Protein backbone atom coordinates (compact mmCIF):
# COMPACT_ATOMS: atom_id res chain seq x y z
CA MET A 1 -8.42 16.48 -7.41
CA GLN A 2 -9.21 17.47 -3.85
CA GLU A 3 -8.01 15.54 -0.84
CA SER A 4 -10.48 13.35 1.02
CA SER A 5 -11.19 14.11 4.69
CA ARG A 6 -13.24 10.97 5.39
CA SER A 7 -10.48 9.13 7.22
CA ALA A 8 -9.52 12.11 9.35
CA ARG A 9 -12.94 11.84 11.02
CA ARG A 10 -12.25 8.31 12.25
CA GLU A 11 -12.13 8.12 16.04
CA GLY A 12 -9.64 6.24 18.19
CA PHE A 13 -5.92 5.85 17.73
CA THR A 14 -6.23 5.27 13.99
CA GLY A 15 -7.76 8.74 13.68
CA GLU A 16 -4.61 10.10 15.33
CA LEU A 17 -2.48 8.07 12.94
CA TRP A 18 -4.26 9.49 9.92
CA ARG A 19 -3.88 13.04 11.13
CA SER A 20 -0.14 12.43 11.42
CA ILE A 21 0.06 11.86 7.64
CA GLU A 22 -2.48 14.36 6.32
CA GLY A 23 0.28 16.34 4.62
CA ILE A 24 1.74 13.19 3.05
CA TYR A 25 -1.68 12.11 1.80
CA ILE A 26 -2.27 15.49 0.15
CA GLU A 27 1.07 15.11 -1.62
CA ILE A 28 0.07 11.60 -2.74
CA LEU A 29 -3.22 12.77 -4.25
CA GLY A 30 -1.45 15.62 -6.00
CA HIS A 31 1.25 13.42 -7.51
CA PRO A 32 1.34 13.49 -11.33
CA PHE A 33 1.30 9.68 -11.46
CA LEU A 34 -2.16 9.54 -9.88
CA ARG A 35 -3.38 12.56 -11.79
CA GLY A 36 -2.29 10.79 -14.95
CA LEU A 37 -4.40 7.77 -14.00
CA ILE A 38 -7.46 10.00 -13.71
CA ASP A 39 -7.13 11.94 -16.95
CA GLY A 40 -5.67 9.00 -18.85
CA THR A 41 -2.46 10.80 -19.78
CA LEU A 42 -0.10 8.63 -17.71
CA ALA A 43 2.51 7.22 -20.08
CA GLU A 44 2.22 3.47 -20.55
CA GLU A 45 5.94 3.16 -19.80
CA ARG A 46 5.40 4.55 -16.31
CA PHE A 47 2.41 2.32 -15.58
CA ARG A 48 4.38 -0.66 -16.87
CA PHE A 49 7.21 0.16 -14.47
CA TYR A 50 4.72 0.52 -11.61
CA VAL A 51 3.06 -2.85 -12.27
CA LEU A 52 6.38 -4.70 -12.42
CA GLN A 53 7.57 -3.11 -9.19
CA ASP A 54 4.21 -3.64 -7.48
CA ALA A 55 4.39 -7.35 -8.25
CA LEU A 56 7.81 -7.48 -6.56
CA TYR A 57 6.53 -5.41 -3.65
CA LEU A 58 3.44 -7.54 -3.03
CA ARG A 59 5.49 -10.72 -2.71
CA GLU A 60 7.38 -9.20 0.22
CA TYR A 61 4.32 -7.46 1.64
CA ALA A 62 2.60 -10.86 1.76
CA ARG A 63 5.50 -12.12 3.89
CA ALA A 64 5.17 -9.11 6.19
CA LEU A 65 1.45 -9.84 6.62
CA SER A 66 2.19 -13.46 7.47
CA LEU A 67 4.65 -12.27 10.08
CA ALA A 68 2.02 -9.88 11.46
CA GLY A 69 -0.27 -12.86 11.89
CA VAL A 70 2.40 -14.92 13.60
CA ARG A 71 3.28 -12.06 15.93
CA SER A 72 -0.35 -11.49 16.91
CA PRO A 73 -1.55 -12.83 20.28
CA ASP A 74 -5.04 -13.08 18.81
CA GLU A 75 -5.99 -16.17 16.78
CA ASP A 76 -8.56 -14.26 14.74
CA ALA A 77 -5.87 -11.80 13.67
CA LEU A 78 -3.58 -14.70 12.80
CA VAL A 79 -6.24 -16.13 10.49
CA MET A 80 -7.07 -12.73 9.01
CA PHE A 81 -3.49 -11.77 8.16
CA ASN A 82 -2.74 -15.17 6.66
CA GLU A 83 -5.84 -14.82 4.49
CA HIS A 84 -4.74 -11.32 3.48
CA SER A 85 -1.25 -12.61 2.75
CA ALA A 86 -2.65 -15.25 0.43
CA GLY A 87 -4.89 -12.60 -1.11
CA ALA A 88 -1.90 -10.38 -1.85
CA ILE A 89 -0.27 -13.23 -3.75
CA THR A 90 -3.55 -13.85 -5.60
CA VAL A 91 -3.70 -10.19 -6.62
CA GLU A 92 -0.08 -10.33 -7.74
CA ARG A 93 -0.76 -13.38 -9.88
CA SER A 94 -4.12 -12.39 -11.38
CA LEU A 95 -4.39 -8.61 -11.56
CA HIS A 96 -0.76 -8.08 -12.45
CA GLU A 97 -0.59 -10.93 -14.92
CA GLY A 98 -3.57 -9.37 -16.69
CA PHE A 99 -1.91 -5.96 -16.76
CA LEU A 100 1.41 -7.39 -17.87
CA LYS A 101 -0.27 -9.27 -20.71
CA ASP A 102 -2.03 -6.08 -21.79
CA LEU A 103 1.30 -4.27 -21.63
CA SER A 104 3.01 -6.96 -23.75
CA VAL A 105 5.37 -7.98 -20.95
CA VAL A 106 6.53 -11.57 -21.38
CA ARG A 107 6.95 -13.83 -18.35
CA GLU A 108 10.72 -13.92 -18.71
CA GLU A 109 10.92 -10.16 -18.46
CA ALA A 110 8.69 -10.07 -15.41
CA GLU A 111 10.68 -12.79 -13.66
CA ALA A 112 13.94 -10.98 -14.42
CA ALA A 113 12.72 -7.63 -13.10
CA GLU A 114 14.93 -6.12 -10.40
CA ALA A 115 13.57 -4.23 -7.42
CA SER A 116 14.14 -0.50 -7.65
CA PRO A 117 15.96 1.27 -4.80
CA THR A 118 12.62 2.44 -3.41
CA THR A 119 10.97 -0.98 -3.66
CA LEU A 120 13.91 -2.64 -1.95
CA ALA A 121 14.06 -0.01 0.80
CA TYR A 122 10.31 -0.15 1.44
CA THR A 123 10.08 -3.93 1.62
CA SER A 124 13.24 -4.17 3.72
CA PHE A 125 11.75 -1.77 6.25
CA LEU A 126 8.50 -3.74 6.34
CA LEU A 127 10.20 -7.07 6.89
CA ARG A 128 12.61 -5.68 9.47
CA THR A 129 9.74 -4.13 11.44
CA ALA A 130 7.59 -7.25 11.11
CA THR A 131 10.47 -9.32 12.49
CA LEU A 132 11.99 -7.08 15.15
CA GLY A 133 9.35 -4.50 16.07
CA ASP A 134 6.75 -4.78 18.80
CA TYR A 135 3.44 -6.17 17.52
CA PRO A 136 1.69 -2.74 17.56
CA GLU A 137 4.58 -1.35 15.50
CA VAL A 138 4.05 -4.13 12.98
CA LEU A 139 0.43 -3.04 12.61
CA GLY A 140 1.56 0.56 12.16
CA ALA A 141 3.97 -0.49 9.42
CA VAL A 142 1.57 -2.63 7.35
CA LEU A 143 -1.47 -0.36 7.73
CA PRO A 144 -0.63 2.43 5.22
CA CYS A 145 -0.60 0.06 2.25
CA TYR A 146 -4.15 -0.95 3.13
CA TRP A 147 -5.51 2.43 4.13
CA ILE A 148 -3.86 4.79 1.67
CA TYR A 149 -4.70 2.56 -1.29
CA ALA A 150 -8.33 2.36 -0.15
CA GLU A 151 -8.61 6.13 0.22
CA VAL A 152 -6.83 6.78 -3.06
CA GLY A 153 -9.05 4.21 -4.76
CA LYS A 154 -12.25 5.79 -3.42
CA THR A 155 -11.14 9.27 -4.41
CA LEU A 156 -10.08 8.22 -7.90
CA LEU A 157 -13.32 6.25 -8.29
CA GLU A 158 -15.25 9.51 -7.91
CA HIS A 159 -13.37 10.88 -10.93
CA GLY A 160 -12.91 7.78 -13.08
CA SER A 161 -10.49 7.42 -15.97
CA PRO A 162 -11.02 7.42 -19.75
CA ASN A 163 -8.35 4.71 -19.98
CA PRO A 164 -9.95 1.25 -19.40
CA ARG A 165 -6.68 -0.18 -18.05
CA TYR A 166 -6.35 2.57 -15.46
CA GLN A 167 -10.04 2.33 -14.59
CA LYS A 168 -9.55 -1.37 -13.84
CA TRP A 169 -6.83 -0.46 -11.33
CA ILE A 170 -9.09 2.19 -9.75
CA ASP A 171 -12.00 -0.25 -9.48
CA THR A 172 -9.83 -2.79 -7.67
CA TYR A 173 -8.81 -0.49 -4.82
CA GLY A 174 -11.87 1.76 -4.74
CA GLY A 175 -14.37 -1.09 -4.41
CA GLU A 176 -16.31 -2.13 -1.33
CA GLU A 177 -14.64 -5.55 -1.09
CA PHE A 178 -11.22 -4.05 -0.49
CA GLY A 179 -12.75 -1.48 1.86
CA VAL A 180 -14.09 -4.25 4.12
CA LEU A 181 -10.57 -5.70 4.50
CA VAL A 182 -9.21 -2.29 5.42
CA GLU A 183 -11.87 -1.65 8.05
CA ALA A 184 -11.02 -4.96 9.73
CA VAL A 185 -7.36 -3.98 10.03
CA LEU A 186 -8.28 -0.51 11.29
CA ASP A 187 -10.53 -1.98 13.99
CA LEU A 188 -7.80 -4.41 15.01
CA THR A 189 -5.26 -1.59 15.25
CA ASP A 190 -7.56 0.51 17.44
CA GLU A 191 -8.24 -2.42 19.75
CA THR A 192 -4.57 -3.41 19.97
CA CYS A 193 -3.29 0.12 20.61
CA LYS A 194 -5.98 1.50 22.92
CA ASP A 195 -4.02 0.92 26.13
CA LEU A 196 -0.52 1.76 24.89
CA ASN A 197 1.51 4.33 26.75
CA PRO A 198 2.70 7.51 24.96
CA ALA A 199 6.13 6.06 24.13
CA GLN A 200 4.60 2.95 22.59
CA LYS A 201 2.11 5.01 20.57
CA ALA A 202 4.99 7.16 19.34
CA ARG A 203 6.75 4.07 17.97
CA VAL A 204 3.61 2.92 16.19
CA THR A 205 3.13 6.40 14.73
CA ARG A 206 6.73 6.50 13.56
CA ALA A 207 6.31 3.20 11.72
CA PHE A 208 3.01 4.39 10.21
CA VAL A 209 4.50 7.67 9.01
CA THR A 210 7.56 5.94 7.57
CA THR A 211 5.62 3.52 5.39
CA SER A 212 3.25 6.32 4.36
CA ARG A 213 6.29 8.19 3.09
CA TYR A 214 7.32 5.09 1.21
CA GLU A 215 3.87 4.97 -0.40
CA TRP A 216 4.48 8.42 -1.91
CA MET A 217 8.00 7.39 -2.89
CA PHE A 218 6.71 4.26 -4.62
CA TRP A 219 4.48 6.21 -7.00
CA ASP A 220 7.20 8.79 -7.45
CA ALA A 221 9.72 6.08 -8.36
CA ALA A 222 7.37 4.86 -11.08
CA TRP A 223 6.93 8.40 -12.34
CA ARG A 224 10.71 8.84 -12.54
CA LEU A 225 11.31 5.31 -13.89
CA GLU A 226 13.76 4.98 -11.03
CA GLY A 227 16.86 2.91 -11.59
CA TRP A 228 20.05 2.24 -9.69
CA PRO A 229 22.49 5.18 -10.06
CA VAL A 230 25.47 2.86 -10.57
CA GLY A 231 25.79 -0.46 -12.35
């Protein structure tokens, strides 16, 4: 699977942001978890772990998006992020419930699931940044989950998967509907950050790179079936 260069051609500050994570994105596309989605060889146990952790992650990501809306000086952005926050909860309840049913996960098990070290670290960083960071930093922190998933989804959609369950996941993030949401956040980020000074842009970039690293770590944690090293 070859890396996509579509996003690197985007102009404006978001183009600079993407170029700052090109190496991370290549590592993401080359990860055995995603390769296993494409060829259908990903062990069900690993996908099961991923879905449970993603449900936990999305609950906190929805809170971070709501905070991004509250922190925004723009009413349109406030409305957009609150809609996206509600959408994240909807995805968590519908898409994941469907997957969990297919994977024979009972509700009690899902409700008792504990966040892995990576999930807890990632969501803690998001919420801390959304609460204490400057508004442009908040955008930098929440953007990778949108953008990387959209790019991964489009790339995987070109390959497809022989496993219907994995193809359903690919269709969700590779589709045009999700792409429209991502473009709106990209445009907002460019508009918000266009007049920042170098120090401010550096802080946004640092937040963007950090959560991009966490995106790789999230798939890697599922691949390793990550648990806590001590009881």
